[in-house]
Amino acid sequence: MRWLVLETAGAAKAREVELSAATGYPHPATATDRVVEAISHLDGRGALPVPTSVWSWAHGCEIDLSALLTETEAASLHSLIEMAEGGWFDTVEIL
């Protein structure tokens, strides 16, 4: 799993909404209302998981979520190890 780190929790929440809309969430066929959930860091930054396989109602198939990122976002993805070492999972708040 890779992660997209953004400058603020608000920016991460906004990007979560954009990516969810681009994949067709929320969708009446599921109780899931978003494709991923943003988290916040104690320093105010936000992050989104970027799975390689998510169901997209908009595409009608499984997609790699990174295909919906900008080139800059895709180039800046962090590994799970980098996130753990950066203290992201010490106190997680799902936004």
C-alpha atoms as a PDB file:
ATOM      1  CA  MET A   1       0.000   0.000   0.000  1.00  0.00           C
ATOM      2  CA  ARG A   2       1.274   3.436  -0.878  1.00  0.00           C
ATOM      3  CA  TRP A   3       0.186   6.710   0.682  1.00  0.00           C
ATOM      4  CA  LEU A   4      -0.429  10.225  -0.617  1.00  0.00           C
ATOM      5  CA  VAL A   5       0.637  12.803   1.976  1.00  0.00           C
ATOM      6  CA  LEU A   6      -0.849  16.294   1.756  1.00  0.00           C
ATOM      7  CA  GLU A   7       0.006  19.501   3.632  1.00  0.00           C
ATOM      8  CA  THR A   8      -3.221  19.609   5.676  1.00  0.00           C
ATOM      9  CA  ALA A   9      -5.884  17.248   6.920  1.00  0.00           C
ATOM     10  CA  GLY A  10      -8.419  19.398   5.060  1.00  0.00           C
ATOM     11  CA  ALA A  11      -6.562  18.926   1.778  1.00  0.00           C
ATOM     12  CA  ALA A  12      -6.528  15.155   2.350  1.00  0.00           C
ATOM     13  CA  LYS A  13     -10.263  15.138   3.083  1.00  0.00           C
ATOM     14  CA  ALA A  14     -10.957  17.178  -0.070  1.00  0.00           C
ATOM     15  CA  ARG A  15      -8.841  14.810  -2.201  1.00  0.00           C
ATOM     16  CA  GLU A  16     -10.660  11.847  -0.623  1.00  0.00           C
ATOM     17  CA  VAL A  17     -13.969  13.334  -1.802  1.00  0.00           C
ATOM     18  CA  GLU A  18     -12.572  13.936  -5.321  1.00  0.00           C
ATOM     19  CA  LEU A  19     -11.198  10.404  -5.679  1.00  0.00           C
ATOM     20  CA  SER A  20     -14.393   8.900  -4.302  1.00  0.00           C
ATOM     21  CA  ALA A  21     -16.494  10.862  -6.801  1.00  0.00           C
ATOM     22  CA  ALA A  22     -14.161   9.829  -9.648  1.00  0.00           C
ATOM     23  CA  THR A  23     -14.722   6.168  -8.761  1.00  0.00           C
ATOM     24  CA  GLY A  24     -18.489   6.524  -8.329  1.00  0.00           C
ATOM     25  CA  TYR A  25     -18.823   6.736  -4.551  1.00  0.00           C
ATOM     26  CA  PRO A  26     -21.099   7.047  -2.749  1.00  0.00           C
ATOM     27  CA  HIS A  27     -23.129   4.443  -4.618  1.00  0.00           C
ATOM     28  CA  PRO A  28     -26.582   3.128  -3.674  1.00  0.00           C
ATOM     29  CA  ALA A  29     -25.512  -0.495  -4.233  1.00  0.00           C
ATOM     30  CA  THR A  30     -23.122  -0.400  -1.281  1.00  0.00           C
ATOM     31  CA  ALA A  31     -22.974   0.912   2.264  1.00  0.00           C
ATOM     32  CA  THR A  32     -19.460   2.164   1.490  1.00  0.00           C
ATOM     33  CA  ASP A  33     -19.626   5.900   0.887  1.00  0.00           C
ATOM     34  CA  ARG A  34     -16.008   6.525  -0.133  1.00  0.00           C
ATOM     35  CA  VAL A  35     -13.222   4.701  -1.885  1.00  0.00           C
ATOM     36  CA  VAL A  36     -10.553   5.515   0.751  1.00  0.00           C
ATOM     37  CA  GLU A  37     -10.452   7.226   4.152  1.00  0.00           C
ATOM     38  CA  ALA A  38      -8.146  10.142   4.905  1.00  0.00           C
ATOM     39  CA  ILE A  39      -6.143  10.145   8.136  1.00  0.00           C
ATOM     40  CA  SER A  40      -4.421  12.953   9.968  1.00  0.00           C
ATOM     41  CA  HIS A  41      -0.988  13.298  11.541  1.00  0.00           C
ATOM     42  CA  LEU A  42      -0.387  15.043  14.853  1.00  0.00           C
ATOM     43  CA  ASP A  43       1.469  17.784  12.929  1.00  0.00           C
ATOM     44  CA  GLY A  44      -1.659  18.689  10.929  1.00  0.00           C
ATOM     45  CA  ARG A  45      -0.848  16.938   7.670  1.00  0.00           C
ATOM     46  CA  GLY A  46      -3.274  14.486   6.088  1.00  0.00           C
ATOM     47  CA  ALA A  47      -2.801  11.314   4.073  1.00  0.00           C
ATOM     48  CA  LEU A  48      -4.758   8.937   1.879  1.00  0.00           C
ATOM     49  CA  PRO A  49      -4.058   5.271   1.226  1.00  0.00           C
ATOM     50  CA  VAL A  50      -3.630   4.552  -2.490  1.00  0.00           C
ATOM     51  CA  PRO A  51      -4.491   0.891  -3.031  1.00  0.00           C
ATOM     52  CA  THR A  52      -3.535  -0.900  -6.233  1.00  0.00           C
ATOM     53  CA  SER A  53      -6.978  -2.483  -6.466  1.00  0.00           C
ATOM     54  CA  VAL A  54     -10.292  -0.785  -5.663  1.00  0.00           C
ATOM     55  CA  TRP A  55     -13.736  -1.247  -7.158  1.00  0.00           C
ATOM     56  CA  SER A  56     -14.743   1.684  -9.343  1.00  0.00           C
ATOM     57  CA  TRP A  57     -18.439   2.028 -10.033  1.00  0.00           C
ATOM     58  CA  ALA A  58     -17.544   4.692 -12.615  1.00  0.00           C
ATOM     59  CA  HIS A  59     -15.268   2.291 -14.524  1.00  0.00           C
ATOM     60  CA  GLY A  60     -17.208  -0.913 -13.794  1.00  0.00           C
ATOM     61  CA  CYS A  61     -14.088  -2.799 -12.725  1.00  0.00           C
ATOM     62  CA  GLU A  62     -11.166  -2.919 -10.302  1.00  0.00           C
ATOM     63  CA  ILE A  63      -8.644  -0.121 -10.852  1.00  0.00           C
ATOM     64  CA  ASP A  64      -5.305   1.003  -9.441  1.00  0.00           C
ATOM     65  CA  LEU A  65      -6.252   4.190  -7.605  1.00  0.00           C
ATOM     66  CA  SER A  66      -2.912   5.770  -8.517  1.00  0.00           C
ATOM     67  CA  ALA A  67      -4.203   5.992 -12.107  1.00  0.00           C
ATOM     68  CA  LEU A  68      -6.442   8.842 -10.911  1.00  0.00           C
ATOM     69  CA  LEU A  69      -3.610  10.828  -9.314  1.00  0.00           C
ATOM     70  CA  THR A  70      -1.733  13.676 -10.943  1.00  0.00           C
ATOM     71  CA  GLU A  71       1.836  12.967 -12.059  1.00  0.00           C
ATOM     72  CA  THR A  72       3.124  15.013  -9.122  1.00  0.00           C
ATOM     73  CA  GLU A  73       0.965  13.091  -6.651  1.00  0.00           C
ATOM     74  CA  ALA A  74       1.979   9.718  -8.088  1.00  0.00           C
ATOM     75  CA  ALA A  75       5.674  10.648  -7.890  1.00  0.00           C
ATOM     76  CA  SER A  76       5.320  11.637  -4.227  1.00  0.00           C
ATOM     77  CA  LEU A  77       3.721   8.440  -2.875  1.00  0.00           C
ATOM     78  CA  HIS A  78       5.109   7.052   0.375  1.00  0.00           C
ATOM     79  CA  SER A  79       5.542   3.418   1.363  1.00  0.00           C
ATOM     80  CA  LEU A  80       3.915   1.870   4.406  1.00  0.00           C
ATOM     81  CA  ILE A  81       7.353   1.675   6.052  1.00  0.00           C
ATOM     82  CA  GLU A  82       7.961   5.405   5.475  1.00  0.00           C
ATOM     83  CA  MET A  83       4.566   6.212   6.953  1.00  0.00           C
ATOM     84  CA  ALA A  84       5.178   4.063  10.037  1.00  0.00           C
ATOM     85  CA  GLU A  85       8.638   5.555  10.554  1.00  0.00           C
ATOM     86  CA  GLY A  86       7.119   9.040  10.215  1.00  0.00           C
ATOM     87  CA  GLY A  87       4.762   8.409  13.139  1.00  0.00           C
ATOM     88  CA  TRP A  88       1.584   8.289  11.066  1.00  0.00           C
ATOM     89  CA  PHE A  89       0.090   5.340  12.875  1.00  0.00           C
ATOM     90  CA  ASP A  90       0.964   6.287  16.466  1.00  0.00           C
ATOM     91  CA  THR A  91      -2.292   8.223  16.897  1.00  0.00           C
ATOM     92  CA  VAL A  92      -4.528   7.871  13.872  1.00  0.00           C
ATOM     93  CA  GLU A  93      -7.717   9.799  13.379  1.00  0.00           C
ATOM     94  CA  ILE A  94      -9.833   8.818  10.413  1.00  0.00           C
ATOM     95  CA  LEU A  95     -11.239  11.977   8.905  1.00  0.00           C
END
